[in-house]
């Protein structure tokens, strides 16, 4: 690596904490750290990782740099997964049932990711990477794929859930998705021996700085919470369907329905002005109403007996 390339490489690396501290400062100023606490924690852990790994990079202990790097990478992978869930919760904040279902799915996805990472680390034997490193790399790639999936979901379905592209959660997901897609493409190029050496790290750092600049632009300017002009009939139908599944209507609730029908029948059968004596048609309507009440009560009793049986 030439001196100019080294200077450019170190400049890109030093820009990381500068942009991250600026993002953290704007989040504190606008109190966004309360809404996106995991993203704020991710930014702070990245700053701490820089001040831990960067001095060790110029040290003489390769083993210390090795362990520090992989520990910081594991923490970054865990924070990245939590940020995905945080963005999902913010997107579906208005839909409580969909949000709860998504939380359950994310827990299962995290468990499956850990199982896949464990199986790959045990089954893969490579002299270059140990089982712990292989597990971290596998988990990192799983998180990157989930980040790409999240940004694709927001790009195609933002209209249905009322998410504006100027919203903070959309900007956070867009930055992670762009960086994850670039990293996966670089890994594929490196595996195919199309790209290697310092240029792979330079491209990765340059894209990450662009993502940090994108996040800075989102947190520095006041953004709308949600696009209120969107028609959200479809997600409301999803919400209602899931609510009906979680809280089914009991059989006894048929009684108020029949009572309401009888009350409407009685109200239609009664005359507008009181009469001295009921007409024959009114007596017939009253008898029909009483028969309907009796039939409704008998049907409700049959339903209760069937449900108890």
C-alpha atoms as a PDB file:
ATOM      1  CA  UNK A   1       0.000   0.000   0.000  1.00  0.00           C
ATOM      2  CA  UNK A   2       1.472   3.329  -1.090  1.00  0.00           C
ATOM      3  CA  UNK A   3       1.679   6.352   1.182  1.00  0.00           C
ATOM      4  CA  UNK A   4      -1.148   8.181  -0.594  1.00  0.00           C
ATOM      5  CA  UNK A   5      -3.416   5.171  -0.295  1.00  0.00           C
ATOM      6  CA  UNK A   6      -2.532   4.843   3.401  1.00  0.00           C
ATOM      7  CA  UNK A   7      -3.347   8.508   4.040  1.00  0.00           C
ATOM      8  CA  UNK A   8      -6.660   8.147   2.211  1.00  0.00           C
ATOM      9  CA  UNK A   9      -7.395   4.944   4.135  1.00  0.00           C
ATOM     10  CA  UNK A  10      -6.706   6.517   7.528  1.00  0.00           C
ATOM     11  CA  UNK A  11      -8.686   9.635   6.611  1.00  0.00           C
ATOM     12  CA  UNK A  12     -11.747   7.549   5.808  1.00  0.00           C
ATOM     13  CA  UNK A  13     -11.315   5.660   9.062  1.00  0.00           C
ATOM     14  CA  UNK A  14     -10.925   8.821  11.176  1.00  0.00           C
ATOM     15  CA  UNK A  15     -14.059  10.297   9.601  1.00  0.00           C
ATOM     16  CA  UNK A  16     -16.124   7.536  11.235  1.00  0.00           C
ATOM     17  CA  UNK A  17     -16.047   8.837  14.828  1.00  0.00           C
ATOM     18  CA  UNK A  18     -16.311  12.453  13.654  1.00  0.00           C
ATOM     19  CA  UNK A  19     -19.580  11.791  11.842  1.00  0.00           C
ATOM     20  CA  UNK A  20     -20.831   9.445  14.558  1.00  0.00           C
ATOM     21  CA  UNK A  21     -20.240  11.959  17.331  1.00  0.00           C
ATOM     22  CA  UNK A  22     -22.036  14.599  15.271  1.00  0.00           C
ATOM     23  CA  UNK A  23     -24.999  12.254  14.824  1.00  0.00           C
ATOM     24  CA  UNK A  24     -25.046  11.533  18.562  1.00  0.00           C
ATOM     25  CA  UNK A  25     -24.953  15.260  19.308  1.00  0.00           C
ATOM     26  CA  UNK A  26     -27.953  15.997  17.094  1.00  0.00           C
ATOM     27  CA  UNK A  27     -29.848  13.060  18.569  1.00  0.00           C
ATOM     28  CA  UNK A  28     -29.250  14.438  22.055  1.00  0.00           C
ATOM     29  CA  UNK A  29     -30.255  17.918  20.960  1.00  0.00           C
ATOM     30  CA  UNK A  30     -33.499  16.783  19.334  1.00  0.00           C
ATOM     31  CA  UNK A  31     -34.132  14.106  22.003  1.00  0.00           C
ATOM     32  CA  UNK A  32     -34.225  11.381  19.354  1.00  0.00           C
ATOM     33  CA  UNK A  33     -32.212   9.069  21.605  1.00  0.00           C
ATOM     34  CA  UNK A  34     -35.435   8.328  23.498  1.00  0.00           C
ATOM     35  CA  UNK A  35     -37.247   7.176  20.387  1.00  0.00           C
ATOM     36  CA  UNK A  36     -34.274   5.333  18.826  1.00  0.00           C
ATOM     37  CA  UNK A  37     -32.316   4.211  21.861  1.00  0.00           C
ATOM     38  CA  UNK A  38     -30.787   1.155  20.164  1.00  0.00           C
ATOM     39  CA  UNK A  39     -29.626   3.209  17.191  1.00  0.00           C
ATOM     40  CA  UNK A  40     -28.148   5.737  19.587  1.00  0.00           C
ATOM     41  CA  UNK A  41     -26.440   2.895  21.442  1.00  0.00           C
ATOM     42  CA  UNK A  42     -25.124   1.541  18.131  1.00  0.00           C
ATOM     43  CA  UNK A  43     -23.572   4.917  17.308  1.00  0.00           C
ATOM     44  CA  UNK A  44     -21.915   5.135  20.725  1.00  0.00           C
ATOM     45  CA  UNK A  45     -20.555   1.575  20.539  1.00  0.00           C
ATOM     46  CA  UNK A  46     -19.059   2.350  17.126  1.00  0.00           C
ATOM     47  CA  UNK A  47     -17.295   5.385  18.579  1.00  0.00           C
ATOM     48  CA  UNK A  48     -15.939   3.318  21.477  1.00  0.00           C
ATOM     49  CA  UNK A  49     -14.849   0.591  19.047  1.00  0.00           C
ATOM     50  CA  UNK A  50     -12.845   3.116  17.050  1.00  0.00           C
ATOM     51  CA  UNK A  51     -11.006   4.432  20.090  1.00  0.00           C
ATOM     52  CA  UNK A  52     -10.252   0.846  21.114  1.00  0.00           C
ATOM     53  CA  UNK A  53      -9.271  -0.692  17.766  1.00  0.00           C
ATOM     54  CA  UNK A  54      -7.534   2.266  16.084  1.00  0.00           C
ATOM     55  CA  UNK A  55      -4.719   2.635  18.673  1.00  0.00           C
ATOM     56  CA  UNK A  56      -4.301  -1.156  18.783  1.00  0.00           C
ATOM     57  CA  UNK A  57      -3.865  -1.113  14.989  1.00  0.00           C
ATOM     58  CA  UNK A  58      -0.596   0.788  15.403  1.00  0.00           C
ATOM     59  CA  UNK A  59       0.519  -1.319  18.352  1.00  0.00           C
ATOM     60  CA  UNK A  60       2.880  -4.239  18.303  1.00  0.00           C
ATOM     61  CA  UNK A  61       0.471  -6.816  19.729  1.00  0.00           C
ATOM     62  CA  UNK A  62      -1.354  -8.537  16.889  1.00  0.00           C
ATOM     63  CA  UNK A  63      -3.199 -10.876  19.252  1.00  0.00           C
ATOM     64  CA  UNK A  64      -4.648  -7.914  21.189  1.00  0.00           C
ATOM     65  CA  UNK A  65      -5.834  -6.289  17.954  1.00  0.00           C
ATOM     66  CA  UNK A  66      -7.311  -9.610  16.835  1.00  0.00           C
ATOM     67  CA  UNK A  67      -9.449 -10.120  19.944  1.00  0.00           C
ATOM     68  CA  UNK A  68     -10.489  -6.473  20.198  1.00  0.00           C
ATOM     69  CA  UNK A  69     -11.609  -6.407  16.582  1.00  0.00           C
ATOM     70  CA  UNK A  70     -13.754  -9.532  16.812  1.00  0.00           C
ATOM     71  CA  UNK A  71     -15.309  -8.525  20.134  1.00  0.00           C
ATOM     72  CA  UNK A  72     -16.280  -5.143  18.677  1.00  0.00           C
ATOM     73  CA  UNK A  73     -17.622  -6.863  15.563  1.00  0.00           C
ATOM     74  CA  UNK A  74     -19.837  -9.154  17.689  1.00  0.00           C
ATOM     75  CA  UNK A  75     -21.209  -6.162  19.603  1.00  0.00           C
ATOM     76  CA  UNK A  76     -21.871  -4.333  16.332  1.00  0.00           C
ATOM     77  CA  UNK A  77     -23.786  -7.334  14.946  1.00  0.00           C
ATOM     78  CA  UNK A  78     -25.976  -7.513  18.076  1.00  0.00           C
ATOM     79  CA  UNK A  79     -26.693  -3.774  17.962  1.00  0.00           C
ATOM     80  CA  UNK A  80     -27.498  -3.973  14.244  1.00  0.00           C
ATOM     81  CA  UNK A  81     -30.113  -6.660  14.890  1.00  0.00           C
ATOM     82  CA  UNK A  82     -31.701  -4.586  17.666  1.00  0.00           C
ATOM     83  CA  UNK A  83     -31.805  -1.530  15.403  1.00  0.00           C
ATOM     84  CA  UNK A  84     -33.747  -3.541  12.789  1.00  0.00           C
ATOM     85  CA  UNK A  85     -36.351  -4.411  15.401  1.00  0.00           C
ATOM     86  CA  UNK A  86     -36.479  -0.810  16.595  1.00  0.00           C
ATOM     87  CA  UNK A  87     -37.158   0.442  13.065  1.00  0.00           C
ATOM     88  CA  UNK A  88     -39.876  -2.190  12.640  1.00  0.00           C
ATOM     89  CA  UNK A  89     -41.557  -1.139  15.901  1.00  0.00           C
ATOM     90  CA  UNK A  90     -41.468   2.516  14.854  1.00  0.00           C
ATOM     91  CA  UNK A  91     -42.967   1.728  11.448  1.00  0.00           C
ATOM     92  CA  UNK A  92     -45.866  -0.252  12.977  1.00  0.00           C
ATOM     93  CA  UNK A  93     -46.297   1.975  16.016  1.00  0.00           C
ATOM     94  CA  UNK A  94     -49.912   2.749  15.067  1.00  0.00           C
ATOM     95  CA  UNK A  95     -50.766  -0.945  14.619  1.00  0.00           C
ATOM     96  CA  UNK A  96     -50.360  -2.649  17.984  1.00  0.00           C
ATOM     97  CA  UNK A  97     -51.327  -6.164  16.901  1.00  0.00           C
ATOM     98  CA  UNK A  98     -49.025  -6.140  13.855  1.00  0.00           C
ATOM     99  CA  UNK A  99     -46.241  -4.766  16.037  1.00  0.00           C
ATOM    100  CA  UNK A 100     -46.660  -7.543  18.611  1.00  0.00           C
ATOM    101  CA  UNK A 101     -46.681 -10.178  15.868  1.00  0.00           C
ATOM    102  CA  UNK A 102     -43.530  -8.687  14.369  1.00  0.00           C
ATOM    103  CA  UNK A 103     -41.817  -8.728  17.771  1.00  0.00           C
ATOM    104  CA  UNK A 104     -42.526 -12.443  18.120  1.00  0.00           C
ATOM    105  CA  UNK A 105     -41.224 -13.088  14.607  1.00  0.00           C
ATOM    106  CA  UNK A 106     -38.050 -11.110  15.331  1.00  0.00           C
ATOM    107  CA  UNK A 107     -37.398 -13.166  18.445  1.00  0.00           C
ATOM    108  CA  UNK A 108     -37.699 -16.367  16.433  1.00  0.00           C
ATOM    109  CA  UNK A 109     -35.515 -14.895  13.691  1.00  0.00           C
ATOM    110  CA  UNK A 110     -32.823 -14.072  16.255  1.00  0.00           C
ATOM    111  CA  UNK A 111     -32.977 -17.597  17.663  1.00  0.00           C
ATOM    112  CA  UNK A 112     -32.754 -19.144  14.189  1.00  0.00           C
ATOM    113  CA  UNK A 113     -29.843 -16.843  13.347  1.00  0.00           C
ATOM    114  CA  UNK A 114     -27.954 -17.975  16.439  1.00  0.00           C
ATOM    115  CA  UNK A 115     -28.668 -21.629  15.635  1.00  0.00           C
ATOM    116  CA  UNK A 116     -27.445 -21.196  12.055  1.00  0.00           C
ATOM    117  CA  UNK A 117     -24.316 -19.417  13.245  1.00  0.00           C
ATOM    118  CA  UNK A 118     -23.628 -22.190  15.769  1.00  0.00           C
ATOM    119  CA  UNK A 119     -24.149 -24.984  13.237  1.00  0.00           C
ATOM    120  CA  UNK A 120     -21.943 -23.273  10.633  1.00  0.00           C
ATOM    121  CA  UNK A 121     -19.184 -22.620  13.176  1.00  0.00           C
ATOM    122  CA  UNK A 122     -19.154 -26.270  14.261  1.00  0.00           C
ATOM    123  CA  UNK A 123     -19.461 -27.840  10.806  1.00  0.00           C
ATOM    124  CA  UNK A 124     -16.972 -25.556   9.022  1.00  0.00           C
ATOM    125  CA  UNK A 125     -13.315 -26.279   9.611  1.00  0.00           C
ATOM    126  CA  UNK A 126     -10.995 -23.621   8.223  1.00  0.00           C
ATOM    127  CA  UNK A 127      -7.411 -22.951   9.281  1.00  0.00           C
ATOM    128  CA  UNK A 128      -7.848 -19.199   8.663  1.00  0.00           C
ATOM    129  CA  UNK A 129     -10.961 -18.705  10.800  1.00  0.00           C
ATOM    130  CA  UNK A 130     -11.812 -20.384  14.071  1.00  0.00           C
ATOM    131  CA  UNK A 131     -15.292 -21.508  15.120  1.00  0.00           C
ATOM    132  CA  UNK A 132     -16.026 -18.312  17.082  1.00  0.00           C
ATOM    133  CA  UNK A 133     -14.997 -16.090  14.177  1.00  0.00           C
ATOM    134  CA  UNK A 134     -17.007 -18.204  11.765  1.00  0.00           C
ATOM    135  CA  UNK A 135     -20.079 -17.855  13.994  1.00  0.00           C
ATOM    136  CA  UNK A 136     -19.648 -14.061  14.142  1.00  0.00           C
ATOM    137  CA  UNK A 137     -19.218 -13.836  10.363  1.00  0.00           C
ATOM    138  CA  UNK A 138     -22.318 -15.958   9.757  1.00  0.00           C
ATOM    139  CA  UNK A 139     -24.412 -13.910  12.185  1.00  0.00           C
ATOM    140  CA  UNK A 140     -23.137 -10.712  10.586  1.00  0.00           C
ATOM    141  CA  UNK A 141     -24.181 -11.864   7.123  1.00  0.00           C
ATOM    142  CA  UNK A 142     -27.608 -12.873   8.437  1.00  0.00           C
ATOM    143  CA  UNK A 143     -28.066  -9.408   9.939  1.00  0.00           C
ATOM    144  CA  UNK A 144     -26.941  -7.782   6.677  1.00  0.00           C
ATOM    145  CA  UNK A 145     -29.515  -9.791   4.721  1.00  0.00           C
ATOM    146  CA  UNK A 146     -32.220  -8.756   7.212  1.00  0.00           C
ATOM    147  CA  UNK A 147     -31.186  -5.110   6.846  1.00  0.00           C
ATOM    148  CA  UNK A 148     -31.457  -5.335   3.071  1.00  0.00           C
ATOM    149  CA  UNK A 149     -34.866  -6.990   3.460  1.00  0.00           C
ATOM    150  CA  UNK A 150     -36.030  -4.230   5.798  1.00  0.00           C
ATOM    151  CA  UNK A 151     -35.126  -1.433   3.403  1.00  0.00           C
ATOM    152  CA  UNK A 152     -36.729  -3.297   0.477  1.00  0.00           C
ATOM    153  CA  UNK A 153     -39.885  -3.717   2.553  1.00  0.00           C
ATOM    154  CA  UNK A 154     -40.000   0.002   3.291  1.00  0.00           C
ATOM    155  CA  UNK A 155     -39.339   0.907  -0.339  1.00  0.00           C
ATOM    156  CA  UNK A 156     -42.196  -1.236  -1.644  1.00  0.00           C
ATOM    157  CA  UNK A 157     -44.701  -1.116   1.244  1.00  0.00           C
ATOM    158  CA  UNK A 158     -44.159   2.325   2.787  1.00  0.00           C
ATOM    159  CA  UNK A 159     -47.350   3.529   1.086  1.00  0.00           C
ATOM    160  CA  UNK A 160     -49.446   0.848   2.778  1.00  0.00           C
ATOM    161  CA  UNK A 161     -48.256   1.557   6.338  1.00  0.00           C
ATOM    162  CA  UNK A 162     -48.173   5.345   5.991  1.00  0.00           C
ATOM    163  CA  UNK A 163     -44.380   5.715   6.282  1.00  0.00           C
ATOM    164  CA  UNK A 164     -42.929   8.781   4.625  1.00  0.00           C
ATOM    165  CA  UNK A 165     -39.500   8.645   3.029  1.00  0.00           C
ATOM    166  CA  UNK A 166     -38.606  11.701   5.092  1.00  0.00           C
ATOM    167  CA  UNK A 167     -39.256   9.810   8.320  1.00  0.00           C
ATOM    168  CA  UNK A 168     -36.343   9.050  10.664  1.00  0.00           C
ATOM    169  CA  UNK A 169     -36.927   5.296  10.683  1.00  0.00           C
ATOM    170  CA  UNK A 170     -36.876   5.208   6.886  1.00  0.00           C
ATOM    171  CA  UNK A 171     -33.534   7.038   6.804  1.00  0.00           C
ATOM    172  CA  UNK A 172     -32.014   4.696   9.387  1.00  0.00           C
ATOM    173  CA  UNK A 173     -33.178   1.625   7.460  1.00  0.00           C
ATOM    174  CA  UNK A 174     -31.991   3.110   4.158  1.00  0.00           C
ATOM    175  CA  UNK A 175     -28.488   3.703   5.515  1.00  0.00           C
ATOM    176  CA  UNK A 176     -28.180   0.218   6.967  1.00  0.00           C
ATOM    177  CA  UNK A 177     -29.608  -1.359   3.814  1.00  0.00           C
ATOM    178  CA  UNK A 178     -27.233   0.487   1.493  1.00  0.00           C
ATOM    179  CA  UNK A 179     -24.196  -0.431   3.596  1.00  0.00           C
ATOM    180  CA  UNK A 180     -25.350  -4.048   3.980  1.00  0.00           C
ATOM    181  CA  UNK A 181     -25.890  -4.437   0.242  1.00  0.00           C
ATOM    182  CA  UNK A 182     -22.451  -2.999  -0.501  1.00  0.00           C
ATOM    183  CA  UNK A 183     -20.787  -5.255   2.049  1.00  0.00           C
ATOM    184  CA  UNK A 184     -22.493  -8.368   0.684  1.00  0.00           C
ATOM    185  CA  UNK A 185     -21.422  -7.439  -2.862  1.00  0.00           C
ATOM    186  CA  UNK A 186     -17.832  -6.914  -1.691  1.00  0.00           C
ATOM    187  CA  UNK A 187     -17.851 -10.293   0.059  1.00  0.00           C
ATOM    188  CA  UNK A 188     -19.118 -11.944  -3.138  1.00  0.00           C
ATOM    189  CA  UNK A 189     -16.416 -10.173  -5.182  1.00  0.00           C
ATOM    190  CA  UNK A 190     -13.746 -11.216  -2.716  1.00  0.00           C
ATOM    191  CA  UNK A 191     -14.954 -14.830  -2.751  1.00  0.00           C
ATOM    192  CA  UNK A 192     -14.822 -14.837  -6.552  1.00  0.00           C
ATOM    193  CA  UNK A 193     -11.308 -13.311  -6.522  1.00  0.00           C
ATOM    194  CA  UNK A 194     -12.540 -10.241  -8.406  1.00  0.00           C
ATOM    195  CA  UNK A 195     -11.561  -7.706  -5.751  1.00  0.00           C
ATOM    196  CA  UNK A 196      -9.126  -7.739  -2.898  1.00  0.00           C
ATOM    197  CA  UNK A 197      -6.382  -5.885  -1.141  1.00  0.00           C
ATOM    198  CA  UNK A 198      -6.810  -2.422   0.374  1.00  0.00           C
ATOM    199  CA  UNK A 199      -9.369  -1.294  -2.195  1.00  0.00           C
ATOM    200  CA  UNK A 200     -12.004  -3.546  -0.707  1.00  0.00           C
ATOM    201  CA  UNK A 201     -11.611  -1.837   2.682  1.00  0.00           C
ATOM    202  CA  UNK A 202     -11.496   1.605   1.044  1.00  0.00           C
ATOM    203  CA  UNK A 203     -14.766   1.022  -0.812  1.00  0.00           C
ATOM    204  CA  UNK A 204     -16.377  -0.359   2.351  1.00  0.00           C
ATOM    205  CA  UNK A 205     -15.271   2.635   4.430  1.00  0.00           C
ATOM    206  CA  UNK A 206     -16.340   5.127   1.753  1.00  0.00           C
ATOM    207  CA  UNK A 207     -19.843   3.666   1.562  1.00  0.00           C
ATOM    208  CA  UNK A 208     -20.103   3.606   5.362  1.00  0.00           C
ATOM    209  CA  UNK A 209     -19.140   7.295   5.499  1.00  0.00           C
ATOM    210  CA  UNK A 210     -21.867   8.006   2.944  1.00  0.00           C
ATOM    211  CA  UNK A 211     -24.357   6.165   5.145  1.00  0.00           C
ATOM    212  CA  UNK A 212     -23.217   8.154   8.173  1.00  0.00           C
ATOM    213  CA  UNK A 213     -23.716  11.362   6.176  1.00  0.00           C
ATOM    214  CA  UNK A 214     -27.217  10.163   5.258  1.00  0.00           C
ATOM    215  CA  UNK A 215     -28.058   9.524   8.923  1.00  0.00           C
ATOM    216  CA  UNK A 216     -26.656  12.924   9.829  1.00  0.00           C
ATOM    217  CA  UNK A 217     -28.933  14.614   7.296  1.00  0.00           C
ATOM    218  CA  UNK A 218     -31.943  12.779   8.741  1.00  0.00           C
ATOM    219  CA  UNK A 219     -31.262  13.601  12.395  1.00  0.00           C
ATOM    220  CA  UNK A 220     -30.134  17.183  11.742  1.00  0.00           C
ATOM    221  CA  UNK A 221     -33.445  18.244  10.159  1.00  0.00           C
ATOM    222  CA  UNK A 222     -36.839  17.937  11.787  1.00  0.00           C
ATOM    223  CA  UNK A 223     -38.786  15.181  10.082  1.00  0.00           C
ATOM    224  CA  UNK A 224     -42.504  14.317  10.055  1.00  0.00           C
ATOM    225  CA  UNK A 225     -43.509  11.471  12.352  1.00  0.00           C
ATOM    226  CA  UNK A 226     -45.817   9.812   9.811  1.00  0.00           C
ATOM    227  CA  UNK A 227     -47.435  10.569   6.493  1.00  0.00           C
ATOM    228  CA  UNK A 228     -50.992  11.316   7.614  1.00  0.00           C
ATOM    229  CA  UNK A 229     -52.266  11.789   4.062  1.00  0.00           C
ATOM    230  CA  UNK A 230     -51.945   8.126   3.202  1.00  0.00           C
ATOM    231  CA  UNK A 231     -54.985   5.865   3.082  1.00  0.00           C
ATOM    232  CA  UNK A 232     -54.362   3.097   5.609  1.00  0.00           C
ATOM    233  CA  UNK A 233     -57.435   0.955   5.061  1.00  0.00           C
ATOM    234  CA  UNK A 234     -55.457  -2.172   4.167  1.00  0.00           C
ATOM    235  CA  UNK A 235     -53.194  -2.268   7.265  1.00  0.00           C
ATOM    236  CA  UNK A 236     -56.231  -1.502   9.413  1.00  0.00           C
ATOM    237  CA  UNK A 237     -57.917  -4.559   7.936  1.00  0.00           C
ATOM    238  CA  UNK A 238     -54.814  -6.614   8.768  1.00  0.00           C
ATOM    239  CA  UNK A 239     -54.897  -5.192  12.285  1.00  0.00           C
ATOM    240  CA  UNK A 240     -58.581  -6.025  12.705  1.00  0.00           C
ATOM    241  CA  UNK A 241     -58.131  -9.551  11.347  1.00  0.00           C
ATOM    242  CA  UNK A 242     -55.285 -10.278  13.748  1.00  0.00           C
ATOM    243  CA  UNK A 243     -57.293  -8.795  16.623  1.00  0.00           C
ATOM    244  CA  UNK A 244     -60.193 -11.084  15.788  1.00  0.00           C
ATOM    245  CA  UNK A 245     -57.834 -14.062  15.804  1.00  0.00           C
ATOM    246  CA  UNK A 246     -56.323 -13.086  19.160  1.00  0.00           C
ATOM    247  CA  UNK A 247     -59.686 -12.179  20.721  1.00  0.00           C
ATOM    248  CA  UNK A 248     -62.440 -14.281  19.121  1.00  0.00           C
ATOM    249  CA  UNK A 249     -66.046 -13.250  19.682  1.00  0.00           C
ATOM    250  CA  UNK A 250     -67.726 -15.662  22.137  1.00  0.00           C
ATOM    251  CA  UNK A 251     -70.912 -17.512  21.291  1.00  0.00           C
ATOM    252  CA  UNK A 252     -72.905 -15.683  23.980  1.00  0.00           C
ATOM    253  CA  UNK A 253     -72.359 -12.446  22.118  1.00  0.00           C
ATOM    254  CA  UNK A 254     -75.130 -13.522  19.702  1.00  0.00           C
ATOM    255  CA  UNK A 255     -77.710 -12.605  22.346  1.00  0.00           C
ATOM    256  CA  UNK A 256     -77.147  -8.806  22.097  1.00  0.00           C
ATOM    257  CA  UNK A 257     -77.334  -9.113  18.311  1.00  0.00           C
ATOM    258  CA  UNK A 258     -80.732 -10.828  18.451  1.00  0.00           C
ATOM    259  CA  UNK A 259     -81.936  -8.410  21.109  1.00  0.00           C
ATOM    260  CA  UNK A 260     -80.962  -5.514  18.897  1.00  0.00           C
ATOM    261  CA  UNK A 261     -82.878  -7.060  16.003  1.00  0.00           C
ATOM    262  CA  UNK A 262     -85.952  -7.489  18.193  1.00  0.00           C
ATOM    263  CA  UNK A 263     -85.693  -3.919  19.481  1.00  0.00           C
ATOM    264  CA  UNK A 264     -85.549  -2.605  15.934  1.00  0.00           C
ATOM    265  CA  UNK A 265     -88.554  -4.734  14.974  1.00  0.00           C
ATOM    266  CA  UNK A 266     -90.516  -3.413  17.959  1.00  0.00           C
ATOM    267  CA  UNK A 267     -89.574   0.185  17.199  1.00  0.00           C
ATOM    268  CA  UNK A 268     -90.776  -0.181  13.621  1.00  0.00           C
ATOM    269  CA  UNK A 269     -94.022  -1.863  14.719  1.00  0.00           C
ATOM    270  CA  UNK A 270     -94.962   0.885  17.226  1.00  0.00           C
ATOM    271  CA  UNK A 271     -97.107   3.761  15.886  1.00  0.00           C
ATOM    272  CA  UNK A 272     -95.855   7.316  15.710  1.00  0.00           C
ATOM    273  CA  UNK A 273     -98.674   8.602  17.964  1.00  0.00           C
ATOM    274  CA  UNK A 274    -100.228   6.695  20.887  1.00  0.00           C
ATOM    275  CA  UNK A 275    -103.646   5.269  20.128  1.00  0.00           C
ATOM    276  CA  UNK A 276    -106.453   4.451  22.510  1.00  0.00           C
ATOM    277  CA  UNK A 277    -106.646   0.849  21.435  1.00  0.00           C
ATOM    278  CA  UNK A 278    -104.147  -1.263  19.557  1.00  0.00           C
ATOM    279  CA  UNK A 279    -105.098  -2.070  16.007  1.00  0.00           C
ATOM    280  CA  UNK A 280    -105.197  -5.666  14.841  1.00  0.00           C
ATOM    281  CA  UNK A 281    -102.050  -5.184  12.789  1.00  0.00           C
ATOM    282  CA  UNK A 282    -100.265  -3.769  15.845  1.00  0.00           C
ATOM    283  CA  UNK A 283    -101.354  -6.736  17.934  1.00  0.00           C
ATOM    284  CA  UNK A 284    -100.031  -9.001  15.198  1.00  0.00           C
ATOM    285  CA  UNK A 285     -96.711  -7.146  15.110  1.00  0.00           C
ATOM    286  CA  UNK A 286     -96.444  -7.376  18.918  1.00  0.00           C
ATOM    287  CA  UNK A 287     -97.065 -11.107  18.843  1.00  0.00           C
ATOM    288  CA  UNK A 288     -94.491 -11.510  16.115  1.00  0.00           C
ATOM    289  CA  UNK A 289     -92.003  -9.535  18.170  1.00  0.00           C
ATOM    290  CA  UNK A 290     -92.666 -11.675  21.260  1.00  0.00           C
ATOM    291  CA  UNK A 291     -92.239 -14.790  19.148  1.00  0.00           C
ATOM    292  CA  UNK A 292     -88.936 -13.423  17.816  1.00  0.00           C
ATOM    293  CA  UNK A 293     -87.735 -12.752  21.378  1.00  0.00           C
ATOM    294  CA  UNK A 294     -88.659 -16.279  22.418  1.00  0.00           C
ATOM    295  CA  UNK A 295     -86.895 -17.730  19.362  1.00  0.00           C
ATOM    296  CA  UNK A 296     -83.793 -15.630  20.069  1.00  0.00           C
ATOM    297  CA  UNK A 297     -83.681 -16.743  23.694  1.00  0.00           C
ATOM    298  CA  UNK A 298     -84.132 -20.378  22.658  1.00  0.00           C
ATOM    299  CA  UNK A 299     -81.356 -20.105  20.081  1.00  0.00           C
ATOM    300  CA  UNK A 300     -79.017 -18.444  22.590  1.00  0.00           C
ATOM    301  CA  UNK A 301     -79.718 -21.188  25.143  1.00  0.00           C
ATOM    302  CA  UNK A 302     -78.935 -23.840  22.517  1.00  0.00           C
ATOM    303  CA  UNK A 303     -75.664 -22.092  21.638  1.00  0.00           C
ATOM    304  CA  UNK A 304     -74.656 -21.907  25.319  1.00  0.00           C
ATOM    305  CA  UNK A 305     -75.454 -25.587  25.806  1.00  0.00           C
ATOM    306  CA  UNK A 306     -73.426 -26.526  22.731  1.00  0.00           C
ATOM    307  CA  UNK A 307     -70.464 -24.440  23.865  1.00  0.00           C
ATOM    308  CA  UNK A 308     -70.512 -25.997  27.348  1.00  0.00           C
ATOM    309  CA  UNK A 309     -70.790 -29.470  25.865  1.00  0.00           C
END
